[in-house]
PDB file of N, CA and C in Angstrom:
ATOM      1  N   MET A   1      36.972 269.100-101.717  1.00  0.00           N
ATOM      2  CA  MET A   1      37.972 268.204-101.187  1.00  0.00           C
ATOM      3  C   MET A   1      39.364 268.655-101.541  1.00  0.00           C
ATOM      4  N   ARG A   2      39.573 269.863-101.945  1.00  0.00           N
ATOM      5  CA  ARG A   2      40.839 270.378-102.371  1.00  0.00           C
ATOM      6  C   ARG A   2      41.953 270.100-101.365  1.00  0.00           C
ATOM      7  N   GLY A   3      43.073 269.635-101.817  1.00  0.00           N
ATOM      8  CA  GLY A   3      44.230 269.357-100.965  1.00  0.00           C
ATOM      9  C   GLY A   3      44.211 267.995-100.271  1.00  0.00           C
ATOM     10  N   ALA A   4      43.096 267.298-100.457  1.00  0.00           N
ATOM     11  CA  ALA A   4      42.952 266.038 -99.822  1.00  0.00           C
ATOM     12  C   ALA A   4      43.433 264.881-100.766  1.00  0.00           C
ATOM     13  N   ALA A   5      43.284 263.654-100.256  1.00  0.00           N
ATOM     14  CA  ALA A   5      43.602 262.569-101.119  1.00  0.00           C
ATOM     15  C   ALA A   5      42.553 261.456-101.041  1.00  0.00           C
ATOM     16  N   LEU A   6      42.528 260.620-102.054  1.00  0.00           N
ATOM     17  CA  LEU A   6      41.642 259.458-102.153  1.00  0.00           C
ATOM     18  C   LEU A   6      42.517 258.206-102.000  1.00  0.00           C
ATOM     19  N   GLY A   7      42.119 257.319-101.086  1.00  0.00           N
ATOM     20  CA  GLY A   7      42.797 256.049-100.886  1.00  0.00           C
ATOM     21  C   GLY A   7      41.858 254.941-101.189  1.00  0.00           C
ATOM     22  N   LEU A   8      42.430 253.910-101.897  1.00  0.00           N
ATOM     23  CA  LEU A   8      41.617 252.819-102.301  1.00  0.00           C
ATOM     24  C   LEU A   8      42.315 251.518-101.806  1.00  0.00           C
ATOM     25  N   ILE A   9      41.644 250.566-101.183  1.00  0.00           N
ATOM     26  CA  ILE A   9      42.196 249.312-100.825  1.00  0.00           C
ATOM     27  C   ILE A   9      41.211 248.280-101.335  1.00  0.00           C
ATOM     28  N   GLU A  10      41.723 247.431-102.286  1.00  0.00           N
ATOM     29  CA  GLU A  10      40.896 246.389-102.885  1.00  0.00           C
ATOM     30  C   GLU A  10      41.339 245.017-102.386  1.00  0.00           C
ATOM     31  N   THR A  11      40.383 244.280-101.742  1.00  0.00           N
ATOM     32  CA  THR A  11      40.714 242.995-101.111  1.00  0.00           C
ATOM     33  C   THR A  11      39.824 241.879-101.727  1.00  0.00           C
ATOM     34  N   ILE A  12      40.226 240.649-101.441  1.00  0.00           N
ATOM     35  CA  ILE A  12      39.360 239.485-101.711  1.00  0.00           C
ATOM     36  C   ILE A  12      38.618 239.270-100.429  1.00  0.00           C
ATOM     37  N   GLY A  13      37.297 239.393-100.424  1.00  0.00           N
ATOM     38  CA  GLY A  13      36.518 239.038 -99.277  1.00  0.00           C
ATOM     39  C   GLY A  13      36.246 240.212 -98.332  1.00  0.00           C
ATOM     40  N   LEU A  14      35.085 240.079 -97.603  1.00  0.00           N
ATOM     41  CA  LEU A  14      34.687 241.189 -96.701  1.00  0.00           C
ATOM     42  C   LEU A  14      35.516 241.240 -95.425  1.00  0.00           C
ATOM     43  N   SER A  15      35.860 240.077 -94.909  1.00  0.00           N
ATOM     44  CA  SER A  15      36.699 240.103 -93.629  1.00  0.00           C
ATOM     45  C   SER A  15      38.044 240.735 -93.840  1.00  0.00           C
ATOM     46  N   THR A  16      38.644 240.567 -95.013  1.00  0.00           N
ATOM     47  CA  THR A  16      39.897 241.172 -95.304  1.00  0.00           C
ATOM     48  C   THR A  16      39.706 242.715 -95.461  1.00  0.00           C
ATOM     49  N   ALA A  17      38.620 243.057 -96.159  1.00  0.00           N
ATOM     50  CA  ALA A  17      38.354 244.511 -96.282  1.00  0.00           C
ATOM     51  C   ALA A  17      38.121 245.179 -94.921  1.00  0.00           C
ATOM     52  N   ILE A  18      37.367 244.555 -94.107  1.00  0.00           N
ATOM     53  CA  ILE A  18      37.061 245.183 -92.740  1.00  0.00           C
ATOM     54  C   ILE A  18      38.343 245.277 -91.961  1.00  0.00           C
ATOM     55  N   THR A  19      39.178 244.263 -91.994  1.00  0.00           N
ATOM     56  CA  THR A  19      40.497 244.316 -91.285  1.00  0.00           C
ATOM     57  C   THR A  19      41.332 245.455 -91.790  1.00  0.00           C
ATOM     58  N   ALA A  20      41.406 245.565 -93.105  1.00  0.00           N
ATOM     59  CA  ALA A  20      42.200 246.664 -93.751  1.00  0.00           C
ATOM     60  C   ALA A  20      41.652 248.052 -93.332  1.00  0.00           C
ATOM     61  N   LEU A  21      40.336 248.211 -93.431  1.00  0.00           N
ATOM     62  CA  LEU A  21      39.689 249.425 -93.060  1.00  0.00           C
ATOM     63  C   LEU A  21      39.930 249.773 -91.574  1.00  0.00           C
ATOM     64  N   ASP A  22      39.815 248.800 -90.733  1.00  0.00           N
ATOM     65  CA  ASP A  22      40.009 249.025 -89.309  1.00  0.00           C
ATOM     66  C   ASP A  22      41.438 249.537 -89.055  1.00  0.00           C
ATOM     67  N   ALA A  23      42.411 248.896 -89.620  1.00  0.00           N
ATOM     68  CA  ALA A  23      43.802 249.333 -89.445  1.00  0.00           C
ATOM     69  C   ALA A  23      43.979 250.700 -90.051  1.00  0.00           C
ATOM     70  N   ALA A  24      43.451 250.979 -91.161  1.00  0.00           N
ATOM     71  CA  ALA A  24      43.601 252.310 -91.829  1.00  0.00           C
ATOM     72  C   ALA A  24      43.028 253.361 -90.924  1.00  0.00           C
ATOM     73  N   CYS A  25      41.798 253.193 -90.406  1.00  0.00           N
ATOM     74  CA  CYS A  25      41.180 254.222 -89.600  1.00  0.00           C
ATOM     75  C   CYS A  25      41.824 254.415 -88.263  1.00  0.00           C
ATOM     76  N   LYS A  26      42.447 253.416 -87.738  1.00  0.00           N
ATOM     77  CA  LYS A  26      43.160 253.503 -86.435  1.00  0.00           C
ATOM     78  C   LYS A  26      44.559 254.191 -86.614  1.00  0.00           C
ATOM     79  N   THR A  27      45.071 254.103 -87.840  1.00  0.00           N
ATOM     80  CA  THR A  27      46.417 254.668 -88.127  1.00  0.00           C
ATOM     81  C   THR A  27      46.439 256.183 -88.313  1.00  0.00           C
ATOM     82  N   ALA A  28      45.305 256.736 -88.970  1.00  0.00           N
ATOM     83  CA  ALA A  28      45.375 258.100 -89.294  1.00  0.00           C
ATOM     84  C   ALA A  28      43.909 258.646 -89.382  1.00  0.00           C
ATOM     85  N   ASP A  29      43.784 259.935 -89.454  1.00  0.00           N
ATOM     86  CA  ASP A  29      42.565 260.608 -89.451  1.00  0.00           C
ATOM     87  C   ASP A  29      41.997 260.610 -90.864  1.00  0.00           C
ATOM     88  N   VAL A  30      41.303 259.496 -91.201  1.00  0.00           N
ATOM     89  CA  VAL A  30      40.684 259.389 -92.546  1.00  0.00           C
ATOM     90  C   VAL A  30      39.213 259.038 -92.363  1.00  0.00           C
ATOM     91  N   THR A  31      38.476 259.259 -93.447  1.00  0.00           N
ATOM     92  CA  THR A  31      37.040 259.002 -93.440  1.00  0.00           C
ATOM     93  C   THR A  31      36.682 258.046 -94.521  1.00  0.00           C
ATOM     94  N   LEU A  32      35.883 257.084 -94.158  1.00  0.00           N
ATOM     95  CA  LEU A  32      35.338 256.087 -95.136  1.00  0.00           C
ATOM     96  C   LEU A  32      34.236 256.908 -95.982  1.00  0.00           C
ATOM     97  N   VAL A  33      34.400 256.882 -97.285  1.00  0.00           N
ATOM     98  CA  VAL A  33      33.423 257.580 -98.118  1.00  0.00           C
ATOM     99  C   VAL A  33      32.597 256.590 -98.966  1.00  0.00           C
ATOM    100  N   GLY A  34      33.105 255.351 -98.992  1.00  0.00           N
ATOM    101  CA  GLY A  34      32.370 254.349 -99.808  1.00  0.00           C
ATOM    102  C   GLY A  34      33.018 253.028 -99.866  1.00  0.00           C
ATOM    103  N   TYR A  35      32.284 252.020-100.368  1.00  0.00           N
ATOM    104  CA  TYR A  35      32.864 250.734-100.622  1.00  0.00           C
ATOM    105  C   TYR A  35      32.063 250.114-101.754  1.00  0.00           C
ATOM    106  N   GLU A  36      32.764 249.223-102.476  1.00  0.00           N
ATOM    107  CA  GLU A  36      32.166 248.577-103.621  1.00  0.00           C
ATOM    108  C   GLU A  36      32.487 247.110-103.580  1.00  0.00           C
ATOM    109  N   LYS A  37      31.508 246.281-103.919  1.00  0.00           N
ATOM    110  CA  LYS A  37      31.669 244.794-104.045  1.00  0.00           C
ATOM    111  C   LYS A  37      31.581 244.510-105.509  1.00  0.00           C
ATOM    112  N   VAL A  38      32.577 243.690-105.922  1.00  0.00           N
ATOM    113  CA  VAL A  38      32.675 243.302-107.369  1.00  0.00           C
ATOM    114  C   VAL A  38      32.748 241.749-107.342  1.00  0.00           C
ATOM    115  N   ILE A  39      31.846 241.129-108.075  1.00  0.00           N
ATOM    116  CA  ILE A  39      31.901 239.661-108.159  1.00  0.00           C
ATOM    117  C   ILE A  39      32.746 239.343-109.422  1.00  0.00           C
ATOM    118  N   GLY A  40      33.640 238.477-109.273  1.00  0.00           N
ATOM    119  CA  GLY A  40      34.526 237.976-110.371  1.00  0.00           C
ATOM    120  C   GLY A  40      35.935 238.517-110.337  1.00  0.00           C
ATOM    121  N   ALA A  41      36.292 239.371-109.456  1.00  0.00           N
ATOM    122  CA  ALA A  41      37.676 239.946-109.381  1.00  0.00           C
ATOM    123  C   ALA A  41      38.552 238.772-108.855  1.00  0.00           C
ATOM    124  N   GLY A  42      39.596 238.398-109.558  1.00  0.00           N
ATOM    125  CA  GLY A  42      40.427 237.348-108.995  1.00  0.00           C
ATOM    126  C   GLY A  42      39.670 236.033-108.829  1.00  0.00           C
ATOM    127  N   LYS A  43      38.671 235.770-109.566  1.00  0.00           N
ATOM    128  CA  LYS A  43      37.800 234.644-109.464  1.00  0.00           C
ATOM    129  C   LYS A  43      37.125 234.553-108.102  1.00  0.00           C
ATOM    130  N   SER A  44      36.937 235.657-107.430  1.00  0.00           N
ATOM    131  CA  SER A  44      36.296 235.727-106.172  1.00  0.00           C
ATOM    132  C   SER A  44      35.474 236.987-106.104  1.00  0.00           C
ATOM    133  N   ILE A  45      35.028 237.331-104.878  1.00  0.00           N
ATOM    134  CA  ILE A  45      34.338 238.596-104.682  1.00  0.00           C
ATOM    135  C   ILE A  45      35.289 239.547-104.021  1.00  0.00           C
ATOM    136  N   SER A  46      35.493 240.662-104.661  1.00  0.00           N
ATOM    137  CA  SER A  46      36.392 241.691-104.154  1.00  0.00           C
ATOM    138  C   SER A  46      35.636 242.839-103.465  1.00  0.00           C
ATOM    139  N   VAL A  47      36.193 243.458-102.510  1.00  0.00           N
ATOM    140  CA  VAL A  47      35.585 244.604-101.813  1.00  0.00           C
ATOM    141  C   VAL A  47      36.652 245.661-101.856  1.00  0.00           C
ATOM    142  N   THR A  48      36.250 246.852-102.351  1.00  0.00           N
ATOM    143  CA  THR A  48      37.155 247.968-102.316  1.00  0.00           C
ATOM    144  C   THR A  48      36.642 249.003-101.414  1.00  0.00           C
ATOM    145  N   VAL A  49      37.471 249.455-100.443  1.00  0.00           N
ATOM    146  CA  VAL A  49      37.079 250.529 -99.525  1.00  0.00           C
ATOM    147  C   VAL A  49      37.728 251.787-100.008  1.00  0.00           C
ATOM    148  N   GLN A  50      36.989 252.897 -99.876  1.00  0.00           N
ATOM    149  CA  GLN A  50      37.409 254.228-100.372  1.00  0.00           C
ATOM    150  C   GLN A  50      37.442 255.137 -99.192  1.00  0.00           C
ATOM    151  N   ILE A  51      38.608 255.712 -98.969  1.00  0.00           N
ATOM    152  CA  ILE A  51      38.815 256.617 -97.823  1.00  0.00           C
ATOM    153  C   ILE A  51      39.399 257.963 -98.313  1.00  0.00           C
ATOM    154  N   VAL A  52      39.132 259.007 -97.554  1.00  0.00           N
ATOM    155  CA  VAL A  52      39.644 260.339 -97.911  1.00  0.00           C
ATOM    156  C   VAL A  52      40.256 260.966 -96.639  1.00  0.00           C
ATOM    157  N   GLY A  53      41.132 261.957 -96.851  1.00  0.00           N
ATOM    158  CA  GLY A  53      41.750 262.688 -95.785  1.00  0.00           C
ATOM    159  C   GLY A  53      42.947 263.430 -96.338  1.00  0.00           C
ATOM    160  N   ASP A  54      43.729 263.976 -95.435  1.00  0.00           N
ATOM    161  CA  ASP A  54      44.950 264.690 -95.849  1.00  0.00           C
ATOM    162  C   ASP A  54      45.838 263.708 -96.521  1.00  0.00           C
ATOM    163  N   VAL A  55      46.716 264.177 -97.431  1.00  0.00           N
ATOM    164  CA  VAL A  55      47.572 263.272 -98.255  1.00  0.00           C
ATOM    165  C   VAL A  55      48.416 262.376 -97.392  1.00  0.00           C
ATOM    166  N   ALA A  56      49.081 262.892 -96.393  1.00  0.00           N
ATOM    167  CA  ALA A  56      49.959 262.127 -95.498  1.00  0.00           C
ATOM    168  C   ALA A  56      49.107 261.095 -94.741  1.00  0.00           C
ATOM    169  N   ALA A  57      47.943 261.507 -94.207  1.00  0.00           N
ATOM    170  CA  ALA A  57      47.114 260.629 -93.477  1.00  0.00           C
ATOM    171  C   ALA A  57      46.614 259.490 -94.318  1.00  0.00           C
ATOM    172  N   VAL A  58      46.204 259.726 -95.535  1.00  0.00           N
ATOM    173  CA  VAL A  58      45.710 258.716 -96.387  1.00  0.00           C
ATOM    174  C   VAL A  58      46.872 257.704 -96.830  1.00  0.00           C
ATOM    175  N   GLN A  59      48.030 258.295 -97.066  1.00  0.00           N
ATOM    176  CA  GLN A  59      49.187 257.414 -97.383  1.00  0.00           C
ATOM    177  C   GLN A  59      49.483 256.483 -96.264  1.00  0.00           C
ATOM    178  N   ALA A  60      49.464 257.007 -95.018  1.00  0.00           N
ATOM    179  CA  ALA A  60      49.787 256.176 -93.841  1.00  0.00           C
ATOM    180  C   ALA A  60      48.659 255.145 -93.669  1.00  0.00           C
ATOM    181  N   ALA A  61      47.410 255.569 -93.828  1.00  0.00           N
ATOM    182  CA  ALA A  61      46.272 254.676 -93.613  1.00  0.00           C
ATOM    183  C   ALA A  61      46.231 253.558 -94.657  1.00  0.00           C
ATOM    184  N   VAL A  62      46.476 253.866 -95.869  1.00  0.00           N
ATOM    185  CA  VAL A  62      46.433 252.836 -96.924  1.00  0.00           C
ATOM    186  C   VAL A  62      47.520 251.867 -96.728  1.00  0.00           C
ATOM    187  N   SER A  63      48.728 252.319 -96.336  1.00  0.00           N
ATOM    188  CA  SER A  63      49.828 251.435 -96.151  1.00  0.00           C
ATOM    189  C   SER A  63      49.537 250.484 -94.999  1.00  0.00           C
ATOM    190  N   ALA A  64      49.093 251.033 -93.911  1.00  0.00           N
ATOM    191  CA  ALA A  64      48.778 250.163 -92.753  1.00  0.00           C
ATOM    192  C   ALA A  64      47.630 249.224 -93.045  1.00  0.00           C
ATOM    193  N   GLY A  65      46.569 249.715 -93.736  1.00  0.00           N
ATOM    194  CA  GLY A  65      45.492 248.898 -94.124  1.00  0.00           C
ATOM    195  C   GLY A  65      45.877 247.693 -95.056  1.00  0.00           C
ATOM    196  N   ALA A  66      46.684 248.020 -95.991  1.00  0.00           N
ATOM    197  CA  ALA A  66      47.124 246.940 -96.897  1.00  0.00           C
ATOM    198  C   ALA A  66      47.954 245.872 -96.162  1.00  0.00           C
ATOM    199  N   MET A  67      48.802 246.295 -95.233  1.00  0.00           N
ATOM    200  CA  MET A  67      49.663 245.368 -94.501  1.00  0.00           C
ATOM    201  C   MET A  67      48.709 244.461 -93.609  1.00  0.00           C
ATOM    202  N   ALA A  68      47.759 245.079 -92.975  1.00  0.00           N
ATOM    203  CA  ALA A  68      46.865 244.310 -92.100  1.00  0.00           C
ATOM    204  C   ALA A  68      46.019 243.367 -92.909  1.00  0.00           C
ATOM    205  N   GLY A  69      45.543 243.805 -94.047  1.00  0.00           N
ATOM    206  CA  GLY A  69      44.725 242.949 -94.940  1.00  0.00           C
ATOM    207  C   GLY A  69      45.517 241.761 -95.391  1.00  0.00           C
ATOM    208  N   GLU A  70      46.776 241.995 -95.682  1.00  0.00           N
ATOM    209  CA  GLU A  70      47.620 240.828 -96.185  1.00  0.00           C
ATOM    210  C   GLU A  70      47.809 239.822 -95.053  1.00  0.00           C
ATOM    211  N   ARG A  71      47.784 240.181 -93.866  1.00  0.00           N
ATOM    212  CA  ARG A  71      47.960 239.265 -92.709  1.00  0.00           C
ATOM    213  C   ARG A  71      46.807 238.291 -92.610  1.00  0.00           C
ATOM    214  N   VAL A  72      45.637 238.665 -93.062  1.00  0.00           N
ATOM    215  CA  VAL A  72      44.378 237.825 -92.958  1.00  0.00           C
ATOM    216  C   VAL A  72      43.884 237.345 -94.225  1.00  0.00           C
ATOM    217  N   GLY A  73      44.279 237.887 -95.366  1.00  0.00           N
ATOM    218  CA  GLY A  73      43.683 237.504 -96.629  1.00  0.00           C
ATOM    219  C   GLY A  73      44.515 238.038 -97.820  1.00  0.00           C
ATOM    220  N   LYS A  74      43.869 238.373 -98.840  1.00  0.00           N
ATOM    221  CA  LYS A  74      44.582 238.874-100.064  1.00  0.00           C
ATOM    222  C   LYS A  74      44.180 240.269-100.404  1.00  0.00           C
ATOM    223  N   VAL A  75      45.134 241.162-100.623  1.00  0.00           N
ATOM    224  CA  VAL A  75      44.943 242.509-101.018  1.00  0.00           C
ATOM    225  C   VAL A  75      45.295 242.556-102.547  1.00  0.00           C
ATOM    226  N   LEU A  76      44.312 242.917-103.332  1.00  0.00           N
ATOM    227  CA  LEU A  76      44.608 242.978-104.767  1.00  0.00           C
ATOM    228  C   LEU A  76      45.279 244.271-105.188  1.00  0.00           C
ATOM    229  N   ALA A  77      44.934 245.363-104.617  1.00  0.00           N
ATOM    230  CA  ALA A  77      45.512 246.639-104.892  1.00  0.00           C
ATOM    231  C   ALA A  77      45.350 247.644-103.706  1.00  0.00           C
ATOM    232  N   ALA A  78      46.271 248.547-103.610  1.00  0.00           N
ATOM    233  CA  ALA A  78      46.226 249.621-102.583  1.00  0.00           C
ATOM    234  C   ALA A  78      46.833 250.852-103.283  1.00  0.00           C
ATOM    235  N   ARG A  79      46.034 251.889-103.368  1.00  0.00           N
ATOM    236  CA  ARG A  79      46.459 253.095-104.134  1.00  0.00           C
ATOM    237  C   ARG A  79      46.060 254.362-103.366  1.00  0.00           C
ATOM    238  N   VAL A  80      46.888 255.388-103.561  1.00  0.00           N
ATOM    239  CA  VAL A  80      46.578 256.694-103.038  1.00  0.00           C
ATOM    240  C   VAL A  80      46.634 257.647-104.221  1.00  0.00           C
ATOM    241  N   ILE A  81      45.588 258.501-104.339  1.00  0.00           N
ATOM    242  CA  ILE A  81      45.604 259.511-105.379  1.00  0.00           C
ATOM    243  C   ILE A  81      45.628 260.856-104.642  1.00  0.00           C
ATOM    244  N   PRO A  82      46.827 261.485-104.599  1.00  0.00           N
ATOM    245  CA  PRO A  82      46.938 262.799-103.845  1.00  0.00           C
ATOM    246  C   PRO A  82      46.285 263.884-104.689  1.00  0.00           C
ATOM    247  N   ARG A  83      45.635 264.736-103.971  1.00  0.00           N
ATOM    248  CA  ARG A  83      45.003 265.931-104.622  1.00  0.00           C
ATOM    249  C   ARG A  83      44.293 265.551-105.946  1.00  0.00           C
ATOM    250  N   PRO A  84      43.295 264.744-105.907  1.00  0.00           N
ATOM    251  CA  PRO A  84      42.613 264.354-107.171  1.00  0.00           C
ATOM    252  C   PRO A  84      42.026 265.496-107.969  1.00  0.00           C
ATOM    253  N   HIS A  85      41.968 265.322-109.246  1.00  0.00           N
ATOM    254  CA  HIS A  85      41.329 266.267-110.128  1.00  0.00           C
ATOM    255  C   HIS A  85      39.878 266.518-109.720  1.00  0.00           C
ATOM    256  N   GLU A  86      39.341 267.609-110.097  1.00  0.00           N
ATOM    257  CA  GLU A  86      37.983 268.030-109.783  1.00  0.00           C
ATOM    258  C   GLU A  86      37.028 266.933-110.249  1.00  0.00           C
ATOM    259  N   GLU A  87      37.279 266.307-111.378  1.00  0.00           N
ATOM    260  CA  GLU A  87      36.396 265.304-111.872  1.00  0.00           C
ATOM    261  C   GLU A  87      36.337 264.098-110.931  1.00  0.00           C
ATOM    262  N   VAL A  88      37.465 263.794-110.364  1.00  0.00           N
ATOM    263  CA  VAL A  88      37.527 262.743-109.347  1.00  0.00           C
ATOM    264  C   VAL A  88      36.774 263.156-108.101  1.00  0.00           C
ATOM    265  N   ASP A  89      36.877 264.414-107.720  1.00  0.00           N
ATOM    266  CA  ASP A  89      36.084 264.927-106.590  1.00  0.00           C
ATOM    267  C   ASP A  89      34.582 264.630-106.760  1.00  0.00           C
ATOM    268  N   GLU A  90      34.067 264.725-108.011  1.00  0.00           N
ATOM    269  CA  GLU A  90      32.700 264.420-108.235  1.00  0.00           C
ATOM    270  C   GLU A  90      32.414 262.975-107.956  1.00  0.00           C
ATOM    271  N   LEU A  91      33.289 262.134-108.376  1.00  0.00           N
ATOM    272  CA  LEU A  91      33.185 260.678-108.091  1.00  0.00           C
ATOM    273  C   LEU A  91      33.235 260.395-106.635  1.00  0.00           C
ATOM    274  N   ILE A  92      34.008 261.048-105.865  1.00  0.00           N
ATOM    275  CA  ILE A  92      34.045 260.861-104.439  1.00  0.00           C
ATOM    276  C   ILE A  92      32.707 261.324-103.833  1.00  0.00           C
ATOM    277  N   LYS A  93      32.132 262.367-104.343  1.00  0.00           N
ATOM    278  CA  LYS A  93      30.800 262.826-103.776  1.00  0.00           C
ATOM    279  C   LYS A  93      29.763 261.704-104.061  1.00  0.00           C
ATOM    280  N   ARG A  94      29.915 261.045-105.199  1.00  0.00           N
ATOM    281  CA  ARG A  94      28.976 259.960-105.523  1.00  0.00           C
ATOM    282  C   ARG A  94      29.179 258.820-104.541  1.00  0.00           C
ATOM    283  N   PHE A  95      30.456 258.494-104.277  1.00  0.00           N
ATOM    284  CA  PHE A  95      30.762 257.423-103.264  1.00  0.00           C
ATOM    285  C   PHE A  95      30.034 257.746-101.954  1.00  0.00           C
ATOM    286  N   GLU A  96      30.183 258.976-101.506  1.00  0.00           N
ATOM    287  CA  GLU A  96      29.571 259.380-100.244  1.00  0.00           C
ATOM    288  C   GLU A  96      28.058 259.284-100.302  1.00  0.00           C
ATOM    289  N   GLN A  97      27.447 259.639-101.399  1.00  0.00           N
ATOM    290  CA  GLN A  97      25.981 259.544-101.567  1.00  0.00           C
ATOM    291  C   GLN A  97      25.530 258.100-101.508  1.00  0.00           C
ATOM    292  N   ASN A  98      26.322 257.236-102.252  1.00  0.00           N
ATOM    293  CA  ASN A  98      25.958 255.782-102.279  1.00  0.00           C
ATOM    294  C   ASN A  98      26.119 255.212-100.863  1.00  0.00           C
ATOM    295  N   LEU A  99      27.122 255.569-100.108  1.00  0.00           N
ATOM    296  CA  LEU A  99      27.308 255.091 -98.746  1.00  0.00           C
ATOM    297  C   LEU A  99      26.124 255.510 -97.835  1.00  0.00           C
ATOM    298  N   LYS A 100      25.680 256.744 -98.005  1.00  0.00           N
ATOM    299  CA  LYS A 100      24.488 257.178 -97.197  1.00  0.00           C
ATOM    300  C   LYS A 100      23.300 256.393 -97.572  1.00  0.00           C
ATOM    301  N   LYS A 101      23.095 256.172 -98.867  1.00  0.00           N
ATOM    302  CA  LYS A 101      21.905 255.331 -99.296  1.00  0.00           C
ATOM    303  C   LYS A 101      22.000 253.850 -98.796  1.00  0.00           C
ATOM    304  N   LYS A 102      23.220 253.300 -98.786  1.00  0.00           N
ATOM    305  CA  LYS A 102      23.295 251.948 -98.240  1.00  0.00           C
ATOM    306  C   LYS A 102      23.025 251.902 -96.710  1.00  0.00           C
ATOM    307  N   ASP A 103      23.503 252.960 -96.024  1.00  0.00           N
ATOM    308  CA  ASP A 103      23.211 253.051 -94.596  1.00  0.00           C
ATOM    309  C   ASP A 103      21.729 253.210 -94.338  1.00  0.00           C
ATOM    310  N   GLU A 104      21.016 253.998 -95.164  1.00  0.00           N
ATOM    311  CA  GLU A 104      19.578 254.203 -94.989  1.00  0.00           C
ATOM    312  C   GLU A 104      18.820 252.937 -95.210  1.00  0.00           C
ATOM    313  N   LYS A 105      19.267 252.129 -96.202  1.00  0.00           N
ATOM    314  CA  LYS A 105      18.605 250.844 -96.429  1.00  0.00           C
ATOM    315  C   LYS A 105      18.719 249.870 -95.337  1.00  0.00           C
ATOM    316  N   GLU A 106      19.846 249.943 -94.643  1.00  0.00           N
ATOM    317  CA  GLU A 106      20.127 248.986 -93.500  1.00  0.00           C
ATOM    318  C   GLU A 106      19.305 249.373 -92.263  1.00  0.00           C
ATOM    319  N   GLU A 107      18.874 250.591 -92.171  1.00  0.00           N
ATOM    320  CA  GLU A 107      18.127 251.023 -90.962  1.00  0.00           C
ATOM    321  C   GLU A 107      16.784 250.559 -91.035  1.00  0.00           C
TER     322      GLU A 107
END
């Protein structure tokens, strides 16, 4: 994933996360590599979507996604990590593997 970026948008609730992801993907050429649900964040259930792509694309996508999410719910955090370290690349690969496993379970 050299030269790419990791974008994270953490929201309260699934509908806010989906709205943020929809806006992010419509704004720029990014790929969803994973999502995580955490119970207890902000006394609620948070959902973090993880996207990758070129640095400029991820920056634009995360910005648009966070704004869209705020219109319908609460965004706890929105971050872009440009050109992540190799160790973070390994984490991104795990996100992708986990997403594939979740997809397989739903089929």
